[in-house]
Amino acid sequence: MARKNSADSALIILFCFSAGFGALSFRFAPDLKPFWLTLFVLSGVLLLVIILRLAFGIRSGNAPQRALDAAVLHTGIDRTDKLSPFEFEQWIARFLTLCGFDAATTPKSGDYGVDVLAGKDGLITAIQVKKYAGPLGVKCVQEVAAGMRYYNAHYGWVASTAPSFTRQARNLAKTCGVELFTKNDLALMLYALQQEHAGKAARR
């Protein structure tokens, strides 16, 4: 991103220089027509390049945000902020059920690190659900990885409201085959499942 901004700044400076110098040449040295005409043509080309770069940057930069906004809107994940941790677990299980999973919460105690079990197409996903405002550490990954083995699950998720995971948590998750979802990741993933399920239902 920094390189792109630097390149845009350089193009703008070059455009201003060529356009300004061309205007001065036209004003004070009209007999040097090939010179200032070349500068004006160069200025036009630079202006077109700047406009195209800015337009493309705006479109590409806003696309991920638009996708996230749509996911938040359609999943209603922002409405879970006021839920208790157990209510959030129930919300996850209910949402996955509506997306075609056979999903249910595990007992409140003795859950072996797994809060929700979700099955689909013969595959079981063990999910630890975390209502958390700060970065999540390695403990949640350790717990769900152990729970995967206990429940013979094929996949393991940590579905959270956290903004991020620590580097140690990400490294261990990669080793254990556990997928980590921040709040934004969770919204996008649930929205994708929702759209996939709606598409299958429409084709029936």
Foldseek 3Di string as FASTA:
>chain_A
DVVLVVVLVVLVVLLCVLLVVLVVCCVPPVVPVVRSVVSVVVSVVSVVVSVVSVVVCVVVVCVVVVLLVVLCVVLVLVVCLPPDQLVVLVSVQVLVVLLPWNKDADDPPPQQLFGMWTDDPRAIEGEHEEEDAEAAEQVSVVRQLRNCVVVVGPAYEYHYCYPYYDPRNVVVCVVSRYYYAHSSRNSSVSVVSNVVSVVVVVVD
